[in-house]
Protein backbone atom coordinates (compact mmCIF):
# COMPACT_ATOMS: atom_id res chain seq x y z
CA UNK A 1 0.00 0.00 0.00
CA UNK A 2 2.78 2.45 0.85
CA UNK A 3 4.30 1.76 -2.53
CA UNK A 4 1.01 2.69 -4.21
CA UNK A 5 0.71 5.83 -2.08
CA UNK A 6 4.24 6.88 -3.02
CA UNK A 7 3.70 6.02 -6.69
CA UNK A 8 0.41 7.98 -6.68
CA UNK A 9 2.25 11.02 -5.28
CA UNK A 10 4.89 10.72 -8.01
CA UNK A 11 2.23 10.37 -10.72
CA UNK A 12 0.44 13.50 -9.45
CA UNK A 13 3.73 15.42 -9.37
CA UNK A 14 4.47 14.52 -13.01
CA UNK A 15 0.90 15.30 -14.05
CA UNK A 16 1.02 18.71 -12.30
CA UNK A 17 4.08 19.71 -14.33
CA UNK A 18 2.72 18.22 -17.56
CA UNK A 19 -0.79 19.70 -17.23
CA UNK A 20 0.61 23.15 -16.40
CA UNK A 21 2.09 23.25 -19.91
CA UNK A 22 -1.07 22.02 -21.68
CA UNK A 23 -4.02 24.13 -22.82
CA UNK A 24 -6.70 21.58 -21.84
CA UNK A 25 -9.66 23.41 -20.29
CA UNK A 26 -11.92 20.45 -19.51
CA UNK A 27 -10.25 17.43 -17.93
CA UNK A 28 -11.85 14.09 -17.08
CA UNK A 29 -10.25 12.45 -14.06
CA UNK A 30 -11.36 9.47 -11.98
CA UNK A 31 -11.81 8.54 -8.34
CA UNK A 32 -9.65 5.49 -7.78
CA UNK A 33 -10.59 1.98 -6.90
CA UNK A 34 -8.16 -0.03 -4.76
CA UNK A 35 -5.14 -0.73 -6.94
CA UNK A 36 -5.51 2.45 -9.01
CA UNK A 37 -3.52 5.70 -8.70
CA UNK A 38 -5.14 8.41 -6.59
CA UNK A 39 -5.66 11.62 -8.56
CA UNK A 40 -8.32 13.68 -6.80
CA UNK A 41 -5.76 16.06 -5.24
CA UNK A 42 -5.10 17.37 -8.76
CA UNK A 43 -8.50 19.05 -8.87
CA UNK A 44 -7.46 21.59 -6.22
CA UNK A 45 -4.14 22.22 -7.99
CA UNK A 46 -5.84 23.55 -11.11
CA UNK A 47 -8.96 25.43 -10.00
CA UNK A 48 -8.99 27.31 -13.31
CA UNK A 49 -9.72 24.07 -15.19
CA UNK A 50 -13.12 22.45 -15.58
CA UNK A 51 -12.82 19.02 -13.93
CA UNK A 52 -15.30 16.24 -14.60
CA UNK A 53 -15.64 12.78 -13.09
CA UNK A 54 -17.53 9.74 -14.34
CA UNK A 55 -20.86 8.69 -12.94
CA UNK A 56 -22.19 5.23 -13.81
CA UNK A 57 -25.88 4.43 -14.10
CA UNK A 58 -26.49 0.88 -15.31
CA UNK A 59 -24.65 0.45 -18.61
CA UNK A 60 -24.13 4.19 -19.08
CA UNK A 61 -21.21 6.33 -17.94
CA UNK A 62 -21.50 10.11 -18.14
CA UNK A 63 -19.10 12.78 -17.00
CA UNK A 64 -20.36 15.33 -14.47
CA UNK A 65 -18.79 18.51 -13.15
CA UNK A 66 -16.72 17.58 -10.13
CA UNK A 67 -17.06 19.15 -6.71
CA UNK A 68 -14.76 17.12 -4.43
CA UNK A 69 -16.83 18.17 -1.38
CA UNK A 70 -19.94 16.54 -2.85
CA UNK A 71 -18.58 13.16 -3.98
CA UNK A 72 -20.30 10.05 -2.65
CA UNK A 73 -19.93 6.32 -3.22
CA UNK A 74 -21.90 5.26 -6.26
CA UNK A 75 -21.79 2.31 -8.61
CA UNK A 76 -19.09 -0.21 -7.74
CA UNK A 77 -18.32 1.79 -4.57
CA UNK A 78 -16.47 4.47 -6.57
CA UNK A 79 -16.76 8.11 -5.49
CA UNK A 80 -18.96 9.95 -7.98
CA UNK A 81 -20.53 13.37 -8.39
CA UNK A 82 -24.17 13.50 -7.28
CA UNK A 83 -26.87 12.87 -9.86
CA UNK A 84 -27.86 16.57 -9.82
CA UNK A 85 -24.39 17.80 -10.82
CA UNK A 86 -24.28 19.17 -14.39
CA UNK A 87 -23.44 16.67 -17.14
CA UNK A 88 -20.50 17.49 -19.40
CA UNK A 89 -20.93 16.18 -22.96
CA UNK A 90 -18.08 13.82 -23.76
CA UNK A 91 -17.28 15.82 -26.88
CA UNK A 92 -16.40 18.85 -24.72
CA UNK A 93 -13.66 17.03 -22.80
CA UNK A 94 -10.16 18.06 -23.92
CA UNK A 95 -8.16 15.55 -21.90
CA UNK A 96 -9.04 12.17 -20.41
CA UNK A 97 -7.09 10.68 -17.49
CA UNK A 98 -8.01 7.00 -17.83
CA UNK A 99 -7.73 4.17 -15.34
CA UNK A 100 -6.98 0.62 -16.41
CA UNK A 101 -5.93 -2.78 -15.20
CA UNK A 102 -2.84 -2.70 -17.42
CA UNK A 103 -1.25 -0.75 -20.28
CA UNK A 104 1.48 -1.21 -22.87
CA UNK A 105 3.99 1.46 -23.88
CA UNK A 106 2.27 1.51 -27.29
CA UNK A 107 -0.95 2.74 -25.63
CA UNK A 108 -3.05 -0.42 -25.41
CA UNK A 109 -5.32 -0.23 -22.37
CA UNK A 110 -6.93 -3.15 -20.58
CA UNK A 111 -10.07 -2.06 -18.76
CA UNK A 112 -12.26 -3.95 -16.34
CA UNK A 113 -14.41 -5.49 -19.07
CA UNK A 114 -17.57 -3.37 -19.07
CA UNK A 115 -16.41 -1.07 -21.91
CA UNK A 116 -17.35 2.20 -20.18
CA UNK A 117 -14.12 3.98 -21.08
CA UNK A 118 -13.90 2.51 -24.58
CA UNK A 119 -17.38 3.87 -25.35
CA UNK A 120 -16.54 7.25 -23.82
CA UNK A 121 -13.25 7.55 -25.69
CA UNK A 122 -14.97 6.52 -28.93
CA UNK A 123 -17.43 9.39 -28.44
CA UNK A 124 -14.68 11.89 -27.61
CA UNK A 125 -13.73 14.62 -30.02
CA UNK A 126 -10.87 13.68 -32.33
CA UNK A 127 -8.58 16.32 -30.84
CA UNK A 128 -8.91 15.16 -27.26
CA UNK A 129 -5.87 13.77 -25.47
CA UNK A 130 -6.11 10.34 -23.88
CA UNK A 131 -3.78 9.56 -20.97
CA UNK A 132 -3.54 6.20 -19.23
CA UNK A 133 -2.68 6.53 -15.54
CA UNK A 134 -0.90 3.59 -13.97
CA UNK A 135 1.57 2.19 -11.48
CA UNK A 136 4.86 0.66 -12.66
CA UNK A 137 3.56 -2.90 -12.25
CA UNK A 138 0.64 -2.17 -14.57
CA UNK A 139 2.85 -1.66 -17.63
CA UNK A 140 3.17 -4.90 -19.55
CA UNK A 141 5.04 -5.79 -22.76
CA UNK A 142 1.88 -6.92 -24.58
CA UNK A 143 -1.89 -7.08 -24.07
CA UNK A 144 -4.77 -8.40 -26.15
CA UNK A 145 -6.61 -5.74 -28.11
CA UNK A 146 -9.93 -5.75 -29.93
CA UNK A 147 -11.02 -3.39 -32.74
CA UNK A 148 -13.30 -1.47 -30.32
CA UNK A 149 -10.43 -0.80 -27.86
CA UNK A 150 -9.32 2.85 -27.92
CA UNK A 151 -5.59 3.37 -27.26
CA UNK A 152 -4.18 6.12 -25.09
CA UNK A 153 -1.61 8.56 -26.45
CA UNK A 154 0.31 9.03 -23.18
CA UNK A 155 0.98 7.09 -20.00
CA UNK A 156 1.25 8.93 -16.68
CA UNK A 157 3.51 6.79 -14.50
CA UNK A 158 5.55 7.30 -11.31
CA UNK A 159 8.57 7.75 -13.58
CA UNK A 160 7.09 10.46 -15.81
CA UNK A 161 4.78 11.00 -18.77
CA UNK A 162 5.49 8.59 -21.64
CA UNK A 163 4.46 9.40 -25.22
CA UNK A 164 3.03 6.17 -26.67
CA UNK A 165 3.14 7.38 -30.29
C-alpha atoms as a PDB file:
ATOM      1  CA  UNK A   1       0.000   0.000   0.000  1.00  0.00           C
ATOM      2  CA  UNK A   2       2.784   2.452   0.848  1.00  0.00           C
ATOM      3  CA  UNK A   3       4.296   1.761  -2.528  1.00  0.00           C
ATOM      4  CA  UNK A   4       1.010   2.686  -4.211  1.00  0.00           C
ATOM      5  CA  UNK A   5       0.709   5.829  -2.083  1.00  0.00           C
ATOM      6  CA  UNK A   6       4.245   6.884  -3.022  1.00  0.00           C
ATOM      7  CA  UNK A   7       3.696   6.020  -6.688  1.00  0.00           C
ATOM      8  CA  UNK A   8       0.414   7.981  -6.685  1.00  0.00           C
ATOM      9  CA  UNK A   9       2.245  11.022  -5.284  1.00  0.00           C
ATOM     10  CA  UNK A  10       4.895  10.719  -8.008  1.00  0.00           C
ATOM     11  CA  UNK A  11       2.232  10.373 -10.717  1.00  0.00           C
ATOM     12  CA  UNK A  12       0.438  13.503  -9.453  1.00  0.00           C
ATOM     13  CA  UNK A  13       3.729  15.420  -9.370  1.00  0.00           C
ATOM     14  CA  UNK A  14       4.466  14.523 -13.013  1.00  0.00           C
ATOM     15  CA  UNK A  15       0.896  15.299 -14.051  1.00  0.00           C
ATOM     16  CA  UNK A  16       1.017  18.708 -12.304  1.00  0.00           C
ATOM     17  CA  UNK A  17       4.078  19.709 -14.334  1.00  0.00           C
ATOM     18  CA  UNK A  18       2.717  18.224 -17.559  1.00  0.00           C
ATOM     19  CA  UNK A  19      -0.789  19.704 -17.227  1.00  0.00           C
ATOM     20  CA  UNK A  20       0.610  23.150 -16.397  1.00  0.00           C
ATOM     21  CA  UNK A  21       2.090  23.246 -19.905  1.00  0.00           C
ATOM     22  CA  UNK A  22      -1.071  22.020 -21.676  1.00  0.00           C
ATOM     23  CA  UNK A  23      -4.018  24.129 -22.816  1.00  0.00           C
ATOM     24  CA  UNK A  24      -6.702  21.585 -21.841  1.00  0.00           C
ATOM     25  CA  UNK A  25      -9.660  23.413 -20.288  1.00  0.00           C
ATOM     26  CA  UNK A  26     -11.924  20.450 -19.507  1.00  0.00           C
ATOM     27  CA  UNK A  27     -10.254  17.428 -17.928  1.00  0.00           C
ATOM     28  CA  UNK A  28     -11.848  14.092 -17.084  1.00  0.00           C
ATOM     29  CA  UNK A  29     -10.254  12.446 -14.055  1.00  0.00           C
ATOM     30  CA  UNK A  30     -11.363   9.471 -11.975  1.00  0.00           C
ATOM     31  CA  UNK A  31     -11.809   8.537  -8.343  1.00  0.00           C
ATOM     32  CA  UNK A  32      -9.647   5.493  -7.782  1.00  0.00           C
ATOM     33  CA  UNK A  33     -10.594   1.976  -6.897  1.00  0.00           C
ATOM     34  CA  UNK A  34      -8.163  -0.026  -4.763  1.00  0.00           C
ATOM     35  CA  UNK A  35      -5.135  -0.733  -6.937  1.00  0.00           C
ATOM     36  CA  UNK A  36      -5.508   2.451  -9.008  1.00  0.00           C
ATOM     37  CA  UNK A  37      -3.523   5.702  -8.698  1.00  0.00           C
ATOM     38  CA  UNK A  38      -5.139   8.409  -6.592  1.00  0.00           C
ATOM     39  CA  UNK A  39      -5.656  11.618  -8.562  1.00  0.00           C
ATOM     40  CA  UNK A  40      -8.317  13.679  -6.798  1.00  0.00           C
ATOM     41  CA  UNK A  41      -5.760  16.057  -5.236  1.00  0.00           C
ATOM     42  CA  UNK A  42      -5.095  17.371  -8.758  1.00  0.00           C
ATOM     43  CA  UNK A  43      -8.499  19.049  -8.874  1.00  0.00           C
ATOM     44  CA  UNK A  44      -7.464  21.586  -6.224  1.00  0.00           C
ATOM     45  CA  UNK A  45      -4.142  22.217  -7.986  1.00  0.00           C
ATOM     46  CA  UNK A  46      -5.842  23.549 -11.114  1.00  0.00           C
ATOM     47  CA  UNK A  47      -8.965  25.429  -9.998  1.00  0.00           C
ATOM     48  CA  UNK A  48      -8.993  27.310 -13.306  1.00  0.00           C
ATOM     49  CA  UNK A  49      -9.720  24.068 -15.189  1.00  0.00           C
ATOM     50  CA  UNK A  50     -13.118  22.449 -15.580  1.00  0.00           C
ATOM     51  CA  UNK A  51     -12.823  19.022 -13.927  1.00  0.00           C
ATOM     52  CA  UNK A  52     -15.301  16.238 -14.602  1.00  0.00           C
ATOM     53  CA  UNK A  53     -15.636  12.776 -13.093  1.00  0.00           C
ATOM     54  CA  UNK A  54     -17.529   9.744 -14.338  1.00  0.00           C
ATOM     55  CA  UNK A  55     -20.862   8.688 -12.937  1.00  0.00           C
ATOM     56  CA  UNK A  56     -22.188   5.228 -13.815  1.00  0.00           C
ATOM     57  CA  UNK A  57     -25.878   4.428 -14.103  1.00  0.00           C
ATOM     58  CA  UNK A  58     -26.488   0.880 -15.306  1.00  0.00           C
ATOM     59  CA  UNK A  59     -24.647   0.446 -18.608  1.00  0.00           C
ATOM     60  CA  UNK A  60     -24.128   4.186 -19.076  1.00  0.00           C
ATOM     61  CA  UNK A  61     -21.213   6.327 -17.937  1.00  0.00           C
ATOM     62  CA  UNK A  62     -21.502  10.105 -18.141  1.00  0.00           C
ATOM     63  CA  UNK A  63     -19.098  12.775 -16.999  1.00  0.00           C
ATOM     64  CA  UNK A  64     -20.360  15.325 -14.470  1.00  0.00           C
ATOM     65  CA  UNK A  65     -18.790  18.506 -13.152  1.00  0.00           C
ATOM     66  CA  UNK A  66     -16.717  17.579 -10.134  1.00  0.00           C
ATOM     67  CA  UNK A  67     -17.061  19.150  -6.713  1.00  0.00           C
ATOM     68  CA  UNK A  68     -14.760  17.125  -4.426  1.00  0.00           C
ATOM     69  CA  UNK A  69     -16.826  18.169  -1.382  1.00  0.00           C
ATOM     70  CA  UNK A  70     -19.943  16.539  -2.846  1.00  0.00           C
ATOM     71  CA  UNK A  71     -18.584  13.161  -3.981  1.00  0.00           C
ATOM     72  CA  UNK A  72     -20.304  10.052  -2.654  1.00  0.00           C
ATOM     73  CA  UNK A  73     -19.931   6.318  -3.217  1.00  0.00           C
ATOM     74  CA  UNK A  74     -21.895   5.257  -6.263  1.00  0.00           C
ATOM     75  CA  UNK A  75     -21.787   2.307  -8.607  1.00  0.00           C
ATOM     76  CA  UNK A  76     -19.088  -0.207  -7.742  1.00  0.00           C
ATOM     77  CA  UNK A  77     -18.317   1.789  -4.572  1.00  0.00           C
ATOM     78  CA  UNK A  78     -16.470   4.471  -6.566  1.00  0.00           C
ATOM     79  CA  UNK A  79     -16.758   8.108  -5.494  1.00  0.00           C
ATOM     80  CA  UNK A  80     -18.963   9.947  -7.976  1.00  0.00           C
ATOM     81  CA  UNK A  81     -20.525  13.367  -8.394  1.00  0.00           C
ATOM     82  CA  UNK A  82     -24.173  13.498  -7.277  1.00  0.00           C
ATOM     83  CA  UNK A  83     -26.870  12.874  -9.859  1.00  0.00           C
ATOM     84  CA  UNK A  84     -27.863  16.567  -9.818  1.00  0.00           C
ATOM     85  CA  UNK A  85     -24.392  17.804 -10.821  1.00  0.00           C
ATOM     86  CA  UNK A  86     -24.280  19.167 -14.385  1.00  0.00           C
ATOM     87  CA  UNK A  87     -23.443  16.674 -17.135  1.00  0.00           C
ATOM     88  CA  UNK A  88     -20.500  17.494 -19.400  1.00  0.00           C
ATOM     89  CA  UNK A  89     -20.930  16.180 -22.959  1.00  0.00           C
ATOM     90  CA  UNK A  90     -18.076  13.816 -23.764  1.00  0.00           C
ATOM     91  CA  UNK A  91     -17.276  15.823 -26.884  1.00  0.00           C
ATOM     92  CA  UNK A  92     -16.401  18.855 -24.722  1.00  0.00           C
ATOM     93  CA  UNK A  93     -13.656  17.030 -22.802  1.00  0.00           C
ATOM     94  CA  UNK A  94     -10.157  18.062 -23.919  1.00  0.00           C
ATOM     95  CA  UNK A  95      -8.158  15.551 -21.904  1.00  0.00           C
ATOM     96  CA  UNK A  96      -9.038  12.169 -20.406  1.00  0.00           C
ATOM     97  CA  UNK A  97      -7.090  10.684 -17.494  1.00  0.00           C
ATOM     98  CA  UNK A  98      -8.011   7.003 -17.827  1.00  0.00           C
ATOM     99  CA  UNK A  99      -7.734   4.172 -15.338  1.00  0.00           C
ATOM    100  CA  UNK A 100      -6.983   0.624 -16.412  1.00  0.00           C
ATOM    101  CA  UNK A 101      -5.931  -2.784 -15.197  1.00  0.00           C
ATOM    102  CA  UNK A 102      -2.838  -2.702 -17.423  1.00  0.00           C
ATOM    103  CA  UNK A 103      -1.245  -0.752 -20.282  1.00  0.00           C
ATOM    104  CA  UNK A 104       1.479  -1.208 -22.875  1.00  0.00           C
ATOM    105  CA  UNK A 105       3.987   1.455 -23.879  1.00  0.00           C
ATOM    106  CA  UNK A 106       2.271   1.511 -27.288  1.00  0.00           C
ATOM    107  CA  UNK A 107      -0.952   2.740 -25.632  1.00  0.00           C
ATOM    108  CA  UNK A 108      -3.048  -0.419 -25.410  1.00  0.00           C
ATOM    109  CA  UNK A 109      -5.322  -0.229 -22.368  1.00  0.00           C
ATOM    110  CA  UNK A 110      -6.926  -3.154 -20.581  1.00  0.00           C
ATOM    111  CA  UNK A 111     -10.066  -2.059 -18.762  1.00  0.00           C
ATOM    112  CA  UNK A 112     -12.263  -3.946 -16.342  1.00  0.00           C
ATOM    113  CA  UNK A 113     -14.410  -5.488 -19.065  1.00  0.00           C
ATOM    114  CA  UNK A 114     -17.572  -3.369 -19.066  1.00  0.00           C
ATOM    115  CA  UNK A 115     -16.410  -1.072 -21.906  1.00  0.00           C
ATOM    116  CA  UNK A 116     -17.350   2.202 -20.182  1.00  0.00           C
ATOM    117  CA  UNK A 117     -14.118   3.978 -21.079  1.00  0.00           C
ATOM    118  CA  UNK A 118     -13.896   2.509 -24.583  1.00  0.00           C
ATOM    119  CA  UNK A 119     -17.381   3.873 -25.347  1.00  0.00           C
ATOM    120  CA  UNK A 120     -16.544   7.252 -23.817  1.00  0.00           C
ATOM    121  CA  UNK A 121     -13.253   7.551 -25.690  1.00  0.00           C
ATOM    122  CA  UNK A 122     -14.965   6.519 -28.928  1.00  0.00           C
ATOM    123  CA  UNK A 123     -17.430   9.391 -28.440  1.00  0.00           C
ATOM    124  CA  UNK A 124     -14.680  11.895 -27.605  1.00  0.00           C
ATOM    125  CA  UNK A 125     -13.731  14.623 -30.019  1.00  0.00           C
ATOM    126  CA  UNK A 126     -10.872  13.682 -32.330  1.00  0.00           C
ATOM    127  CA  UNK A 127      -8.581  16.325 -30.841  1.00  0.00           C
ATOM    128  CA  UNK A 128      -8.905  15.160 -27.256  1.00  0.00           C
ATOM    129  CA  UNK A 129      -5.867  13.766 -25.471  1.00  0.00           C
ATOM    130  CA  UNK A 130      -6.107  10.340 -23.877  1.00  0.00           C
ATOM    131  CA  UNK A 131      -3.780   9.563 -20.973  1.00  0.00           C
ATOM    132  CA  UNK A 132      -3.538   6.204 -19.229  1.00  0.00           C
ATOM    133  CA  UNK A 133      -2.683   6.531 -15.541  1.00  0.00           C
ATOM    134  CA  UNK A 134      -0.899   3.591 -13.969  1.00  0.00           C
ATOM    135  CA  UNK A 135       1.567   2.188 -11.483  1.00  0.00           C
ATOM    136  CA  UNK A 136       4.861   0.657 -12.658  1.00  0.00           C
ATOM    137  CA  UNK A 137       3.563  -2.898 -12.253  1.00  0.00           C
ATOM    138  CA  UNK A 138       0.636  -2.172 -14.568  1.00  0.00           C
ATOM    139  CA  UNK A 139       2.854  -1.657 -17.632  1.00  0.00           C
ATOM    140  CA  UNK A 140       3.166  -4.898 -19.550  1.00  0.00           C
ATOM    141  CA  UNK A 141       5.044  -5.793 -22.758  1.00  0.00           C
ATOM    142  CA  UNK A 142       1.876  -6.922 -24.580  1.00  0.00           C
ATOM    143  CA  UNK A 143      -1.888  -7.079 -24.073  1.00  0.00           C
ATOM    144  CA  UNK A 144      -4.767  -8.403 -26.149  1.00  0.00           C
ATOM    145  CA  UNK A 145      -6.608  -5.741 -28.110  1.00  0.00           C
ATOM    146  CA  UNK A 146      -9.927  -5.748 -29.932  1.00  0.00           C
ATOM    147  CA  UNK A 147     -11.021  -3.393 -32.737  1.00  0.00           C
ATOM    148  CA  UNK A 148     -13.300  -1.474 -30.320  1.00  0.00           C
ATOM    149  CA  UNK A 149     -10.429  -0.796 -27.859  1.00  0.00           C
ATOM    150  CA  UNK A 150      -9.321   2.846 -27.920  1.00  0.00           C
ATOM    151  CA  UNK A 151      -5.594   3.366 -27.264  1.00  0.00           C
ATOM    152  CA  UNK A 152      -4.180   6.117 -25.087  1.00  0.00           C
ATOM    153  CA  UNK A 153      -1.610   8.560 -26.447  1.00  0.00           C
ATOM    154  CA  UNK A 154       0.308   9.033 -23.184  1.00  0.00           C
ATOM    155  CA  UNK A 155       0.977   7.094 -19.999  1.00  0.00           C
ATOM    156  CA  UNK A 156       1.254   8.926 -16.681  1.00  0.00           C
ATOM    157  CA  UNK A 157       3.509   6.789 -14.499  1.00  0.00           C
ATOM    158  CA  UNK A 158       5.546   7.300 -11.307  1.00  0.00           C
ATOM    159  CA  UNK A 159       8.571   7.752 -13.576  1.00  0.00           C
ATOM    160  CA  UNK A 160       7.090  10.456 -15.806  1.00  0.00           C
ATOM    161  CA  UNK A 161       4.780  10.995 -18.768  1.00  0.00           C
ATOM    162  CA  UNK A 162       5.486   8.594 -21.636  1.00  0.00           C
ATOM    163  CA  UNK A 163       4.458   9.401 -25.221  1.00  0.00           C
ATOM    164  CA  UNK A 164       3.027   6.170 -26.672  1.00  0.00           C
ATOM    165  CA  UNK A 165       3.139   7.384 -30.288  1.00  0.00           C
END
